[in-house]
Amino acid sequence: MPSCPTCKRPVEWNASSPWRPFCSERCKLIDLGAWASERHAIAGDEQDMEQDDVANEPFPTKNEEAP
């Protein structure tokens, strides 16, 4: 039986486990918070956001269309 990535409790892997792979909504939210605070990250090269073409484009306002 797989275990919850947050608390390591066993998790039944079926339709009656709505939070899988987590054991509960609490564990799911703890994991989400870790990603949001950047405690979890996907390994890769750091990029300078100023050199990124997307970062230099302005966001469209409500009255403008995206390019």
C-alpha atoms as a PDB file:
ATOM      1  CA  MET A   1       0.000   0.000   0.000  1.00  0.00           C
ATOM      2  CA  PRO A   2       1.459   3.420  -0.919  1.00  0.00           C
ATOM      3  CA  SER A   3       2.184   5.949   1.800  1.00  0.00           C
ATOM      4  CA  CYS A   4       1.214   9.609   2.100  1.00  0.00           C
ATOM      5  CA  PRO A   5       4.094  11.809   0.863  1.00  0.00           C
ATOM      6  CA  THR A   6       3.549  14.223   3.769  1.00  0.00           C
ATOM      7  CA  CYS A   7       2.983  12.089   6.872  1.00  0.00           C
ATOM      8  CA  LYS A   8       3.922   8.617   5.549  1.00  0.00           C
ATOM      9  CA  ARG A   9       0.633   6.981   6.659  1.00  0.00           C
ATOM     10  CA  PRO A  10      -0.662   4.230   4.376  1.00  0.00           C
ATOM     11  CA  VAL A  11      -3.134   5.433   1.726  1.00  0.00           C
ATOM     12  CA  GLU A  12      -5.670   3.176   0.031  1.00  0.00           C
ATOM     13  CA  TRP A  13      -5.313   3.747  -3.704  1.00  0.00           C
ATOM     14  CA  ASN A  14      -8.919   3.660  -4.900  1.00  0.00           C
ATOM     15  CA  ALA A  15     -11.896   5.895  -5.662  1.00  0.00           C
ATOM     16  CA  SER A  16     -12.835   6.082  -1.969  1.00  0.00           C
ATOM     17  CA  SER A  17      -9.598   8.019  -1.267  1.00  0.00           C
ATOM     18  CA  PRO A  18     -10.361  11.485  -2.666  1.00  0.00           C
ATOM     19  CA  TRP A  19      -7.056  13.030  -1.513  1.00  0.00           C
ATOM     20  CA  ARG A  20      -4.708  10.393  -2.966  1.00  0.00           C
ATOM     21  CA  PRO A  21      -1.740  10.323  -3.037  1.00  0.00           C
ATOM     22  CA  PHE A  22      -2.286  12.114   0.293  1.00  0.00           C
ATOM     23  CA  CYS A  23      -4.186  10.658   3.237  1.00  0.00           C
ATOM     24  CA  SER A  24      -6.178  13.834   3.909  1.00  0.00           C
ATOM     25  CA  GLU A  25      -6.893  17.354   2.739  1.00  0.00           C
ATOM     26  CA  ARG A  26      -4.596  18.590   5.513  1.00  0.00           C
ATOM     27  CA  CYS A  27      -1.607  16.691   4.106  1.00  0.00           C
ATOM     28  CA  LYS A  28      -2.472  17.885   0.599  1.00  0.00           C
ATOM     29  CA  LEU A  29      -2.504  21.527   1.762  1.00  0.00           C
ATOM     30  CA  ILE A  30       0.759  21.101   3.675  1.00  0.00           C
ATOM     31  CA  ASP A  31       2.390  19.863   0.463  1.00  0.00           C
ATOM     32  CA  LEU A  32       0.864  22.704  -1.575  1.00  0.00           C
ATOM     33  CA  GLY A  33       2.233  25.212   0.946  1.00  0.00           C
ATOM     34  CA  ALA A  34       5.706  23.681   0.636  1.00  0.00           C
ATOM     35  CA  TRP A  35       5.619  24.190  -3.155  1.00  0.00           C
ATOM     36  CA  ALA A  36       4.240  27.739  -2.785  1.00  0.00           C
ATOM     37  CA  SER A  37       6.979  28.718  -0.324  1.00  0.00           C
ATOM     38  CA  GLU A  38       9.587  27.074  -2.573  1.00  0.00           C
ATOM     39  CA  ARG A  39      10.637  24.476   0.011  1.00  0.00           C
ATOM     40  CA  HIS A  40       9.941  21.996  -2.802  1.00  0.00           C
ATOM     41  CA  ALA A  41      11.398  22.708  -6.225  1.00  0.00           C
ATOM     42  CA  ILE A  42      12.173  20.905  -9.447  1.00  0.00           C
ATOM     43  CA  ALA A  43      15.912  20.807 -10.103  1.00  0.00           C
ATOM     44  CA  GLY A  44      17.170  22.785 -13.054  1.00  0.00           C
ATOM     45  CA  ASP A  45      19.282  25.707 -14.137  1.00  0.00           C
ATOM     46  CA  GLU A  46      18.390  29.065 -12.649  1.00  0.00           C
ATOM     47  CA  GLN A  47      17.260  31.564 -15.247  1.00  0.00           C
ATOM     48  CA  ASP A  48      17.617  35.309 -15.157  1.00  0.00           C
ATOM     49  CA  MET A  49      14.033  36.539 -15.457  1.00  0.00           C
ATOM     50  CA  GLU A  50      15.187  39.820 -17.016  1.00  0.00           C
ATOM     51  CA  GLN A  51      16.592  37.912 -19.999  1.00  0.00           C
ATOM     52  CA  ASP A  52      13.408  35.918 -20.434  1.00  0.00           C
ATOM     53  CA  ASP A  53      11.351  37.268 -23.356  1.00  0.00           C
ATOM     54  CA  VAL A  54       8.085  36.538 -21.559  1.00  0.00           C
ATOM     55  CA  ALA A  55       9.136  38.547 -18.503  1.00  0.00           C
ATOM     56  CA  ASN A  56       9.738  41.642 -20.641  1.00  0.00           C
ATOM     57  CA  GLU A  57       6.303  41.615 -22.262  1.00  0.00           C
ATOM     58  CA  PRO A  58       3.614  43.657 -20.501  1.00  0.00           C
ATOM     59  CA  PHE A  59       0.505  41.904 -19.260  1.00  0.00           C
ATOM     60  CA  PRO A  60      -2.609  42.840 -21.212  1.00  0.00           C
ATOM     61  CA  THR A  61      -5.168  44.971 -19.418  1.00  0.00           C
ATOM     62  CA  LYS A  62      -8.873  44.160 -19.397  1.00  0.00           C
ATOM     63  CA  ASN A  63      -9.400  46.194 -22.574  1.00  0.00           C
ATOM     64  CA  GLU A  64      -6.405  44.763 -24.471  1.00  0.00           C
ATOM     65  CA  GLU A  65      -5.929  41.431 -26.140  1.00  0.00           C
ATOM     66  CA  ALA A  66      -2.851  39.303 -25.553  1.00  0.00           C
ATOM     67  CA  PRO A  67      -0.343  39.325 -28.468  1.00  0.00           C
END
